[in-house]
């Protein structure tokens, strides 16, 4: 079974790295993209489109992850970009990436995928039949492998409450929200406790008569600015942190958050512990609540003709608009549910990439995971792993072993969040995949060769270039990118002369050396 020709479906964040990974490993990708440009969800449109289901973004969107943590591993953001990128600017980064690595030649724009199924000779070859509709009409081709890169954000999830059908106001999903214009003088209720709910509530409150935000269990509000005024994810996503007990990591973050806002006084406090609850990255909602523009409410009990009644008995009687920021359902209509299920609790993907029950490892899902951090670097490692599997360089476990792993992760996440969800910390997951392809830094070897770099990788932000130091397709600029994280972070904000600083390192150098030497010694003893 020799894989050569690969169908890549979608040219968004995950599709672009799938194309590039194929090219790097000597495969021949053919990417099908139904739009006329790359970028996927990061292509902004004012109109609400109904001809096919797709996710869309609002104008006020700013990234939740900093530029050093969310870049592709061998393509840093321009130095003059701010630490957090406005959504409208991010699309240009993906266009530049496609042009830099010559990916556009592999993309068939304006082409929709209608069906993907096992080819007639699948049992012996592992090949797939792909039917598409493009400028020349419908056609069917056979490919050696398939990478589905359409992601989890396609079908808006709108809950149903008693009396909702009789409500006389407007109901829409955050997927249909674009900007606050048109909400002047209106009373708005936003439903949800995560990032988009906070963004939409803040944005509408700048024009509305009043905005409310309804949450069943509250949320943890995380500010983009972390300790000492630096991007928070540069502190959270460090390899060393994940060797510490979770209760300790939780206490450190909670103490810092408590210095920035009082979620209890704001009515936002979650009923669940941090790392086990919904999270809202938002810098403005506390101020909007303090000035009375936004008020937090509990979950909805039922609708009335002109409003809603909440679970605590309070109500709104003059409600004009309800905006559901309640996420998305998984829907990939062109494949069978034995490959990609419609429900999270039925999704049988090993490491959220490979269907566990098919005969040949020639079908991969890239981007079907949500992380507590940047998504693009996660998708990139998934794609690099998939092409290595296609090439036969990296084997998959047995079907039984994959099924056991899937069941274990599903049970763990359900017990943690109280619902079926795929929401994982990125660094342990990325390290796990990187180790499968030999791209995870070997700290014992790295310490002997380049101790300063080893310390930066282990104690500093686990930035994507750390996965280009070793393994397949290394990048010569990886070391500089890792060593200059702090300088690069502020290169887009610091435009006047001030005293020079090297950025916070989190732990004293002497302590780092002692801890790291102890770790290396432990590793050496473990292999004796």
Protein backbone atom coordinates (compact mmCIF):
# COMPACT_ATOMS: atom_id res chain seq x y z
CA UNK A 1 0.00 0.00 0.00
CA UNK A 2 1.92 3.04 -1.27
CA UNK A 3 0.36 6.43 -0.63
CA UNK A 4 1.18 9.10 -3.16
CA UNK A 5 -1.84 11.21 -4.12
CA UNK A 6 -3.73 12.82 -1.22
CA UNK A 7 -7.05 14.68 -1.23
CA UNK A 8 -7.03 17.62 1.18
CA UNK A 9 -10.48 19.01 1.90
CA UNK A 10 -10.46 22.66 2.91
CA UNK A 11 -7.82 25.39 2.62
CA UNK A 12 -8.21 26.98 6.03
CA UNK A 13 -5.86 26.90 9.00
CA UNK A 14 -5.61 23.11 9.05
CA UNK A 15 -5.84 22.60 5.29
CA UNK A 16 -2.83 24.78 4.56
CA UNK A 17 -0.55 22.83 6.89
CA UNK A 18 -1.94 19.58 5.49
CA UNK A 19 -0.91 20.65 1.99
CA UNK A 20 2.53 21.75 3.18
CA UNK A 21 3.08 18.53 5.16
CA UNK A 22 2.20 16.47 2.11
CA UNK A 23 4.68 18.37 -0.04
CA UNK A 24 7.41 18.08 2.60
CA UNK A 25 6.96 14.31 2.71
CA UNK A 26 6.98 13.86 -1.07
CA UNK A 27 3.23 13.32 -1.44
CA UNK A 28 1.05 14.91 -4.11
CA UNK A 29 -1.78 16.92 -2.49
CA UNK A 30 -4.90 18.07 -4.30
CA UNK A 31 -6.84 20.51 -2.13
CA UNK A 32 -10.52 21.24 -2.68
CA UNK A 33 -11.69 24.62 -1.40
CA UNK A 34 -15.24 25.78 -2.04
CA UNK A 35 -14.38 29.48 -1.61
CA UNK A 36 -12.17 31.63 -3.83
CA UNK A 37 -9.38 32.21 -1.31
CA UNK A 38 -7.50 30.56 1.55
CA UNK A 39 -8.08 31.21 5.23
CA UNK A 40 -11.30 29.37 6.04
CA UNK A 41 -13.08 30.99 8.99
CA UNK A 42 -10.62 33.88 8.92
CA UNK A 43 -12.10 35.25 5.70
CA UNK A 44 -14.43 38.02 6.89
CA UNK A 45 -17.79 38.60 5.24
CA UNK A 46 -20.51 41.08 6.17
CA UNK A 47 -23.31 39.05 4.62
CA UNK A 48 -24.96 36.11 6.33
CA UNK A 49 -24.80 33.19 3.92
CA UNK A 50 -27.42 30.46 3.81
CA UNK A 51 -26.43 28.40 0.77
CA UNK A 52 -24.21 26.17 2.89
CA UNK A 53 -23.40 25.87 6.56
CA UNK A 54 -20.14 27.43 7.58
CA UNK A 55 -18.69 29.34 10.50
CA UNK A 56 -18.15 33.08 10.29
CA UNK A 57 -16.60 35.78 12.46
CA UNK A 58 -17.59 39.12 13.91
CA UNK A 59 -15.64 42.30 13.27
CA UNK A 60 -14.61 42.88 16.91
CA UNK A 61 -12.75 39.58 17.14
CA UNK A 62 -9.20 39.58 18.51
CA UNK A 63 -7.19 36.38 18.91
CA UNK A 64 -7.22 34.70 22.31
CA UNK A 65 -3.65 33.44 21.89
CA UNK A 66 -0.57 35.59 21.46
CA UNK A 67 1.33 35.67 18.19
CA UNK A 68 4.35 33.78 19.53
CA UNK A 69 2.15 30.87 20.64
CA UNK A 70 -0.18 30.69 17.64
CA UNK A 71 2.17 30.94 14.68
CA UNK A 72 3.05 27.98 12.48
CA UNK A 73 6.29 26.40 13.63
CA UNK A 74 8.45 27.68 10.77
CA UNK A 75 6.59 30.86 9.87
CA UNK A 76 6.62 33.54 12.61
CA UNK A 77 4.36 36.55 12.48
CA UNK A 78 5.93 39.79 11.21
CA UNK A 79 7.74 41.58 14.02
CA UNK A 80 5.50 44.64 13.81
CA UNK A 81 2.36 42.62 14.58
CA UNK A 82 0.89 43.30 18.03
CA UNK A 83 1.00 40.48 20.61
CA UNK A 84 -2.68 39.73 19.98
CA UNK A 85 -3.84 39.92 16.37
CA UNK A 86 -7.12 41.53 15.28
CA UNK A 87 -9.09 38.88 13.43
CA UNK A 88 -9.23 40.85 10.21
CA UNK A 89 -5.43 40.92 10.04
CA UNK A 90 -4.99 37.23 10.71
CA UNK A 91 -6.36 36.24 7.31
CA UNK A 92 -3.42 37.97 5.66
CA UNK A 93 -1.00 35.80 7.66
CA UNK A 94 -2.53 32.65 6.18
CA UNK A 95 -2.42 34.10 2.68
CA UNK A 96 1.25 34.97 3.18
CA UNK A 97 1.92 31.43 4.44
CA UNK A 98 0.33 29.91 1.35
CA UNK A 99 2.38 32.15 -0.94
CA UNK A 100 5.65 31.68 0.96
CA UNK A 101 5.54 27.89 0.62
CA UNK A 102 3.96 27.75 -2.84
CA UNK A 103 0.74 26.10 -1.69
CA UNK A 104 -1.70 27.84 -4.02
CA UNK A 105 -0.75 25.62 -6.97
CA UNK A 106 -2.22 22.61 -5.18
CA UNK A 107 -5.62 24.20 -4.49
CA UNK A 108 -8.74 23.94 -6.65
CA UNK A 109 -10.80 26.96 -5.65
CA UNK A 110 -14.57 27.11 -6.08
CA UNK A 111 -14.82 23.34 -5.68
CA UNK A 112 -17.12 21.66 -3.16
CA UNK A 113 -16.71 18.09 -1.98
CA UNK A 114 -19.96 16.14 -2.31
CA UNK A 115 -18.93 12.67 -1.18
CA UNK A 116 -15.96 10.73 0.15
CA UNK A 117 -16.19 6.95 0.38
CA UNK A 118 -14.04 3.86 0.19
CA UNK A 119 -12.96 3.12 -3.38
CA UNK A 120 -13.99 -0.15 -5.03
CA UNK A 121 -10.54 -1.59 -4.30
CA UNK A 122 -10.27 -0.12 -0.77
CA UNK A 123 -9.87 -3.49 0.96
CA UNK A 124 -6.62 -4.13 -0.84
CA UNK A 125 -5.35 -0.61 -1.55
CA UNK A 126 -6.84 1.67 1.13
CA UNK A 127 -7.84 4.17 -1.57
CA UNK A 128 -10.75 6.62 -1.50
CA UNK A 129 -13.27 7.87 -4.05
CA UNK A 130 -13.86 11.65 -3.89
CA UNK A 131 -16.74 13.32 -5.74
CA UNK A 132 -16.63 17.08 -6.20
CA UNK A 133 -18.50 19.88 -7.92
CA UNK A 134 -16.39 22.65 -9.43
CA UNK A 135 -16.40 25.11 -12.31
CA UNK A 136 -16.40 22.21 -14.77
CA UNK A 137 -19.27 20.34 -13.12
CA UNK A 138 -19.21 17.14 -11.08
CA UNK A 139 -16.36 14.66 -11.20
CA UNK A 140 -15.06 11.69 -9.24
CA UNK A 141 -11.41 10.88 -8.61
CA UNK A 142 -9.58 8.21 -6.66
CA UNK A 143 -6.95 9.15 -4.07
CA UNK A 144 -4.52 7.10 -2.02
CA UNK A 145 -5.39 9.02 1.15
CA UNK A 146 -7.73 11.75 2.44
CA UNK A 147 -7.21 14.59 4.93
CA UNK A 148 -10.45 16.24 6.09
CA UNK A 149 -9.61 19.78 7.17
CA UNK A 150 -13.05 21.36 7.55
CA UNK A 151 -12.90 21.48 11.35
CA UNK A 152 -15.52 21.40 14.08
CA UNK A 153 -17.18 24.77 13.47
CA UNK A 154 -19.71 24.21 10.73
CA UNK A 155 -23.26 23.80 12.07
CA UNK A 156 -24.41 26.40 14.59
CA UNK A 157 -25.85 24.87 17.75
CA UNK A 158 -29.09 26.57 18.84
CA UNK A 159 -30.76 25.19 21.98
CA UNK A 160 -34.52 24.99 22.44
CA UNK A 161 -36.33 26.35 25.48
CA UNK A 162 -40.05 26.21 26.34
CA UNK A 163 -41.95 29.05 24.71
CA UNK A 164 -39.12 29.89 22.33
CA UNK A 165 -41.29 29.47 19.23
CA UNK A 166 -43.74 32.09 20.55
CA UNK A 167 -41.06 34.69 21.23
CA UNK A 168 -41.75 37.79 19.14
CA UNK A 169 -38.21 39.16 19.13
CA UNK A 170 -35.29 38.13 16.96
CA UNK A 171 -33.21 35.00 17.59
CA UNK A 172 -29.84 34.44 15.97
CA UNK A 173 -26.58 32.61 16.56
CA UNK A 174 -23.27 34.37 17.13
CA UNK A 175 -22.27 32.84 13.79
CA UNK A 176 -24.68 35.33 12.18
CA UNK A 177 -23.46 38.29 14.24
CA UNK A 178 -21.11 40.73 12.53
CA UNK A 179 -21.06 44.09 14.33
CA UNK A 180 -22.97 46.26 16.82
CA UNK A 181 -24.52 48.56 14.23
CA UNK A 182 -28.25 47.88 14.11
CA UNK A 183 -28.55 47.15 17.82
CA UNK A 184 -28.99 50.79 18.86
CA UNK A 185 -31.63 51.20 21.56
CA UNK A 186 -32.35 47.46 21.76
CA UNK A 187 -32.39 45.13 24.74
CA UNK A 188 -30.13 42.17 23.97
CA UNK A 189 -29.63 38.82 25.66
CA UNK A 190 -26.47 36.85 24.84
CA UNK A 191 -26.55 33.18 25.86
CA UNK A 192 -23.26 31.39 26.56
CA UNK A 193 -20.21 31.44 28.79
CA UNK A 194 -17.22 31.21 26.48
CA UNK A 195 -15.15 33.55 24.31
CA UNK A 196 -17.69 34.51 21.67
CA UNK A 197 -20.42 35.13 24.26
CA UNK A 198 -18.22 37.63 26.06
CA UNK A 199 -17.12 39.32 22.84
CA UNK A 200 -20.67 39.70 21.53
CA UNK A 201 -21.99 40.92 24.88
CA UNK A 202 -19.27 43.57 25.11
CA UNK A 203 -19.66 44.63 21.47
CA UNK A 204 -23.45 44.94 21.49
CA UNK A 205 -23.37 46.82 24.82
CA UNK A 206 -21.62 49.73 23.14
CA UNK A 207 -24.78 50.44 21.12
CA UNK A 208 -27.65 48.64 22.83
CA UNK A 209 -30.05 50.02 25.42
CA UNK A 210 -28.98 47.14 27.67
CA UNK A 211 -27.19 43.82 27.18
CA UNK A 212 -27.56 40.76 29.39
CA UNK A 213 -25.46 37.61 29.34
CA UNK A 214 -27.01 34.32 30.48
CA UNK A 215 -24.88 31.43 31.77
CA UNK A 216 -26.04 28.21 33.41
CA UNK A 217 -22.84 27.55 35.33
CA UNK A 218 -20.89 30.79 35.08
CA UNK A 219 -17.41 31.04 33.62
CA UNK A 220 -13.79 31.79 34.40
CA UNK A 221 -12.84 35.11 32.85
CA UNK A 222 -9.22 35.06 31.72
CA UNK A 223 -7.53 38.32 30.77
CA UNK A 224 -5.10 38.35 27.88
CA UNK A 225 -2.66 40.26 30.04
CA UNK A 226 -0.98 38.00 32.57
CA UNK A 227 1.69 38.39 35.24
CA UNK A 228 3.88 41.49 34.96
CA UNK A 229 1.81 42.74 32.03
CA UNK A 230 2.89 40.05 29.54
CA UNK A 231 0.62 37.79 27.45
CA UNK A 232 -0.84 35.20 29.77
CA UNK A 233 -0.36 32.20 27.50
CA UNK A 234 3.40 32.74 27.55
CA UNK A 235 3.21 31.83 31.24
CA UNK A 236 0.54 29.12 31.11
CA UNK A 237 1.90 27.02 28.25
CA UNK A 238 5.32 25.95 29.48
CA UNK A 239 6.47 22.36 29.62
CA UNK A 240 7.68 22.69 33.19
CA UNK A 241 4.21 23.79 34.32
CA UNK A 242 2.67 20.48 33.31
CA UNK A 243 5.02 18.58 35.62
CA UNK A 244 3.56 20.49 38.57
CA UNK A 245 0.43 19.27 40.40
CA UNK A 246 -2.74 20.63 38.86
CA UNK A 247 -3.94 22.06 42.17
CA UNK A 248 -0.77 24.12 42.34
CA UNK A 249 -1.05 25.42 38.79
CA UNK A 250 -4.69 26.23 39.42
CA UNK A 251 -3.90 28.17 42.60
CA UNK A 252 -1.23 30.27 40.85
CA UNK A 253 -3.61 31.29 38.03
CA UNK A 254 -6.53 31.90 40.40
CA UNK A 255 -4.44 34.19 42.60
CA UNK A 256 -3.36 36.24 39.60
CA UNK A 257 -6.92 36.46 38.23
CA UNK A 258 -8.18 37.59 41.63
CA UNK A 259 -5.93 40.65 41.40
CA UNK A 260 -7.56 41.63 38.12
CA UNK A 261 -11.31 41.10 38.65
CA UNK A 262 -13.77 39.76 41.21
CA UNK A 263 -15.94 37.33 39.26
CA UNK A 264 -18.29 36.87 42.21
CA UNK A 265 -19.12 40.58 42.38
CA UNK A 266 -19.61 40.60 38.62
CA UNK A 267 -22.07 37.67 38.71
CA UNK A 268 -19.80 35.60 36.48
CA UNK A 269 -18.32 33.16 38.99
CA UNK A 270 -18.26 29.56 37.80
CA UNK A 271 -19.73 26.70 39.79
CA UNK A 272 -16.83 24.52 38.64
CA UNK A 273 -13.10 24.68 39.28
CA UNK A 274 -10.67 26.36 36.91
CA UNK A 275 -9.46 23.96 34.20
CA UNK A 276 -12.78 22.07 34.62
CA UNK A 277 -15.10 24.81 33.43
CA UNK A 278 -15.92 27.08 30.55
CA UNK A 279 -13.38 29.85 30.02
CA UNK A 280 -13.92 33.32 28.59
CA UNK A 281 -10.88 35.22 27.39
CA UNK A 282 -12.02 38.81 27.68
CA UNK A 283 -10.44 42.08 28.81
CA UNK A 284 -13.53 44.29 28.74
CA UNK A 285 -16.53 42.50 30.20
CA UNK A 286 -15.74 43.48 33.79
CA UNK A 287 -15.69 47.17 32.85
CA UNK A 288 -18.94 46.86 30.88
CA UNK A 289 -20.62 45.23 33.88
CA UNK A 290 -19.23 47.88 36.25
CA UNK A 291 -20.69 50.69 34.15
CA UNK A 292 -24.08 48.96 33.88
CA UNK A 293 -23.98 48.27 30.16
CA UNK A 294 -23.94 44.48 30.73
CA UNK A 295 -25.56 42.37 33.46
CA UNK A 296 -24.96 38.68 34.07
CA UNK A 297 -27.96 36.39 34.55
CA UNK A 298 -28.42 32.67 35.28
CA UNK A 299 -29.70 30.10 32.80
CA UNK A 300 -32.99 30.48 30.91
CA UNK A 301 -36.06 28.69 32.29
CA UNK A 302 -38.52 29.61 29.53
CA UNK A 303 -39.44 32.29 27.01
CA UNK A 304 -42.45 34.59 27.03
CA UNK A 305 -43.80 36.45 24.02
CA UNK A 306 -41.68 39.49 24.80
CA UNK A 307 -38.94 38.16 27.04
CA UNK A 308 -37.49 35.37 29.13
CA UNK A 309 -37.77 34.02 32.66
CA UNK A 310 -34.55 32.83 34.28
CA UNK A 311 -33.99 29.88 36.61
CA UNK A 312 -33.82 32.20 39.64
CA UNK A 313 -37.30 33.61 38.88
CA UNK A 314 -36.11 36.96 37.53
CA UNK A 315 -37.20 37.99 34.05
CA UNK A 316 -36.79 40.40 31.17
CA UNK A 317 -40.08 41.70 29.73
CA UNK A 318 -38.89 43.96 26.92
CA UNK A 319 -36.37 41.79 25.12
CA UNK A 320 -35.64 42.56 21.48
CA UNK A 321 -32.87 40.16 20.46
CA UNK A 322 -31.48 36.84 21.69
CA UNK A 323 -28.03 35.85 20.45
CA UNK A 324 -26.96 32.27 21.10
CA UNK A 325 -23.20 31.95 21.52
CA UNK A 326 -23.59 28.26 22.21
CA UNK A 327 -21.04 26.67 19.94
CA UNK A 328 -21.32 24.29 17.02
CA UNK A 329 -22.30 20.75 16.18
CA UNK A 330 -19.91 18.52 14.30
CA UNK A 331 -21.22 18.04 10.79
CA UNK A 332 -19.24 16.66 7.87
CA UNK A 333 -21.99 15.77 5.39
CA UNK A 334 -19.75 14.33 2.69
CA UNK A 335 -18.44 11.39 4.77
CA UNK A 336 -20.13 8.52 6.58
CA UNK A 337 -20.62 8.64 10.35
CA UNK A 338 -18.38 5.57 10.70
CA UNK A 339 -15.56 7.96 9.83
CA UNK A 340 -16.67 11.20 11.51
CA UNK A 341 -19.66 10.95 13.85
CA UNK A 342 -22.18 13.79 14.22
CA UNK A 343 -21.90 13.74 18.02
CA UNK A 344 -18.82 14.37 20.14
CA UNK A 345 -19.63 11.42 22.39
CA UNK A 346 -19.58 9.11 19.35
CA UNK A 347 -16.45 10.50 17.70
CA UNK A 348 -14.02 7.59 17.38
CA UNK A 349 -10.79 9.30 16.39
CA UNK A 350 -7.49 8.11 17.80
CA UNK A 351 -5.72 11.19 19.21
CA UNK A 352 -8.56 13.10 17.49
CA UNK A 353 -7.02 12.36 14.08
CA UNK A 354 -7.43 8.77 12.83
CA UNK A 355 -10.73 6.80 12.71
CA UNK A 356 -10.08 3.75 14.85
CA UNK A 357 -12.28 1.21 13.08
CA UNK A 358 -11.16 1.38 9.46
CA UNK A 359 -8.87 -1.15 7.85
CA UNK A 360 -6.21 1.15 6.42
CA UNK A 361 -4.65 4.28 8.02
CA UNK A 362 -5.26 6.41 4.94
CA UNK A 363 -7.90 8.78 6.33
CA UNK A 364 -7.06 11.62 8.73
CA UNK A 365 -9.05 14.41 10.38
CA UNK A 366 -7.07 17.60 10.93
CA UNK A 367 -8.53 20.24 13.23
CA UNK A 368 -11.16 18.20 15.06
CA UNK A 369 -10.05 19.24 18.51
CA UNK A 370 -10.40 22.28 20.76
CA UNK A 371 -7.54 23.35 22.98
CA UNK A 372 -6.98 25.69 25.90
CA UNK A 373 -4.70 27.77 23.75
CA UNK A 374 -3.65 28.24 20.16
CA UNK A 375 -5.11 25.89 17.56
CA UNK A 376 -2.87 26.32 14.51
CA UNK A 377 0.27 24.69 16.00
CA UNK A 378 -1.85 21.73 17.16
CA UNK A 379 -3.31 21.26 13.69
CA UNK A 380 0.15 21.52 12.17
CA UNK A 381 1.50 18.65 14.27
CA UNK A 382 -1.57 16.57 13.46
CA UNK A 383 -0.89 17.09 9.75
CA UNK A 384 2.83 16.28 10.09
CA UNK A 385 1.96 13.08 11.97
CA UNK A 386 -0.69 12.08 9.40
CA UNK A 387 1.66 12.35 6.43
CA UNK A 388 4.31 10.34 8.28
CA UNK A 389 1.69 7.64 8.88
CA UNK A 390 0.64 7.74 5.22
CA UNK A 391 4.26 7.25 4.21
CA UNK A 392 4.55 4.22 6.46
CA UNK A 393 7.26 5.83 8.58
CA UNK A 394 5.16 5.88 11.76
CA UNK A 395 2.78 3.00 12.61
CA UNK A 396 -0.53 3.30 14.44
CA UNK A 397 -1.40 1.09 17.43
CA UNK A 398 -3.80 -1.84 17.05
CA UNK A 399 -7.49 -1.09 16.68
CA UNK A 400 -8.09 -2.36 20.21
CA UNK A 401 -5.39 -0.13 21.65
CA UNK A 402 -6.81 2.89 19.81
CA UNK A 403 -10.34 2.12 21.01
CA UNK A 404 -9.12 1.85 24.60
CA UNK A 405 -7.31 5.18 24.36
CA UNK A 406 -10.39 6.89 22.87
CA UNK A 407 -12.69 5.52 25.60
CA UNK A 408 -10.27 6.59 28.34
CA UNK A 409 -10.01 10.17 27.05
CA UNK A 410 -13.78 10.44 26.53
CA UNK A 411 -14.46 9.29 30.10
CA UNK A 412 -11.82 11.64 31.54
CA UNK A 413 -13.18 14.70 29.73
CA UNK A 414 -16.79 13.91 30.64
CA UNK A 415 -15.92 13.57 34.31
CA UNK A 416 -13.89 16.77 34.22
CA UNK A 417 -16.41 19.01 32.43
CA UNK A 418 -19.70 17.28 33.18
CA UNK A 419 -20.50 16.99 29.48
CA UNK A 420 -19.06 15.44 26.35
CA UNK A 421 -16.47 17.82 25.02
CA UNK A 422 -13.06 17.86 23.33
CA UNK A 423 -11.12 20.54 25.18
CA UNK A 424 -7.50 19.77 26.00
CA UNK A 425 -4.31 21.56 27.09
CA UNK A 426 -2.17 22.01 23.97
CA UNK A 427 1.36 21.40 25.23
CA UNK A 428 1.03 17.81 26.55
CA UNK A 429 -1.00 16.91 23.45
CA UNK A 430 1.51 18.47 21.07
CA UNK A 431 4.43 16.84 22.85
CA UNK A 432 2.70 13.48 22.58
CA UNK A 433 2.22 13.79 18.81
CA UNK A 434 5.68 15.29 18.32
CA UNK A 435 7.23 12.31 20.10
CA UNK A 436 5.55 9.98 17.58
CA UNK A 437 7.38 11.65 14.68
CA UNK A 438 10.62 12.41 16.51
CA UNK A 439 10.00 16.18 16.67
CA UNK A 440 9.84 16.52 20.46
CA UNK A 441 13.06 17.97 21.88
CA UNK A 442 15.19 15.45 23.74
CA UNK A 443 16.12 17.55 26.76
CA UNK A 444 18.96 15.30 27.90
CA UNK A 445 20.68 15.58 24.53
CA UNK A 446 19.77 19.23 24.10
CA UNK A 447 21.16 20.16 27.51
CA UNK A 448 24.52 18.58 26.64
CA UNK A 449 24.64 20.31 23.26
CA UNK A 450 23.02 23.70 23.97
CA UNK A 451 22.14 24.14 27.67
CA UNK A 452 20.75 27.66 27.33
CA UNK A 453 18.37 26.57 24.58
CA UNK A 454 17.35 23.55 26.66
CA UNK A 455 16.47 25.82 29.57
CA UNK A 456 14.45 28.10 27.31
CA UNK A 457 12.52 25.17 25.83
CA UNK A 458 11.82 23.56 29.19
CA UNK A 459 11.10 26.56 31.43
CA UNK A 460 10.11 29.17 28.86
CA UNK A 461 7.03 29.39 26.62
CA UNK A 462 6.63 26.18 24.61
CA UNK A 463 6.44 28.02 21.31
CA UNK A 464 5.80 26.12 18.04
CA UNK A 465 9.37 26.43 16.68
CA UNK A 466 10.49 24.04 19.44
CA UNK A 467 9.02 21.30 17.22
CA UNK A 468 11.38 22.21 14.38
CA UNK A 469 14.63 21.68 16.28
CA UNK A 470 14.76 17.93 15.63
CA UNK A 471 12.88 15.34 13.63
CA UNK A 472 11.56 15.61 10.08
CA UNK A 473 11.85 18.92 8.25
CA UNK A 474 13.73 21.03 10.80
CA UNK A 475 13.90 24.82 10.46
CA UNK A 476 17.16 26.74 10.73
CA UNK A 477 15.42 29.70 12.35
CA UNK A 478 13.90 27.69 15.20
CA UNK A 479 16.59 28.45 17.77
CA UNK A 480 16.47 32.21 17.24
CA UNK A 481 12.68 32.20 17.43
CA UNK A 482 12.81 30.37 20.78
CA UNK A 483 15.61 32.50 22.24
CA UNK A 484 13.91 35.79 21.28
CA UNK A 485 10.32 35.11 22.36
CA UNK A 486 10.10 38.04 24.76
CA UNK A 487 11.71 40.57 22.40
CA UNK A 488 9.50 39.43 19.52
CA UNK A 489 6.39 39.68 21.68
CA UNK A 490 6.76 43.43 22.23
CA UNK A 491 8.27 44.28 18.85
CA UNK A 492 4.78 45.29 17.73
CA UNK A 493 4.04 47.52 20.73
CA UNK A 494 7.26 49.13 21.86
CA UNK A 495 7.87 51.97 19.40
CA UNK A 496 9.78 54.38 21.61
CA UNK A 497 13.04 54.18 23.50
CA UNK A 498 12.69 52.73 27.00
CA UNK A 499 15.03 50.82 29.32
CA UNK A 500 15.76 47.47 27.70
CA UNK A 501 14.41 44.33 29.36
CA UNK A 502 14.75 40.69 28.39
CA UNK A 503 11.33 39.60 29.54
CA UNK A 504 10.28 37.65 32.61
CA UNK A 505 11.65 34.15 32.94
CA UNK A 506 9.41 32.97 35.75
CA UNK A 507 12.06 31.22 37.84
CA UNK A 508 15.56 32.31 38.97
CA UNK A 509 18.33 30.98 36.73
CA UNK A 510 20.01 29.11 39.60
CA UNK A 511 16.75 27.32 40.45
CA UNK A 512 16.25 26.46 36.77
CA UNK A 513 19.69 24.93 36.55
CA UNK A 514 19.20 22.84 39.70
CA UNK A 515 15.78 21.61 38.60
CA UNK A 516 16.94 20.89 35.08
CA UNK A 517 20.06 19.02 36.19
CA UNK A 518 17.87 16.96 38.52
CA UNK A 519 15.56 16.16 35.62
CA UNK A 520 18.41 15.16 33.32
CA UNK A 521 19.96 13.03 36.06
CA UNK A 522 16.63 11.32 36.55
CA UNK A 523 16.38 10.61 32.85
CA UNK A 524 19.89 9.17 32.77
CA UNK A 525 19.20 6.92 35.76
CA UNK A 526 15.96 5.72 34.23
CA UNK A 527 17.76 4.25 31.22
CA UNK A 528 20.64 2.66 33.15
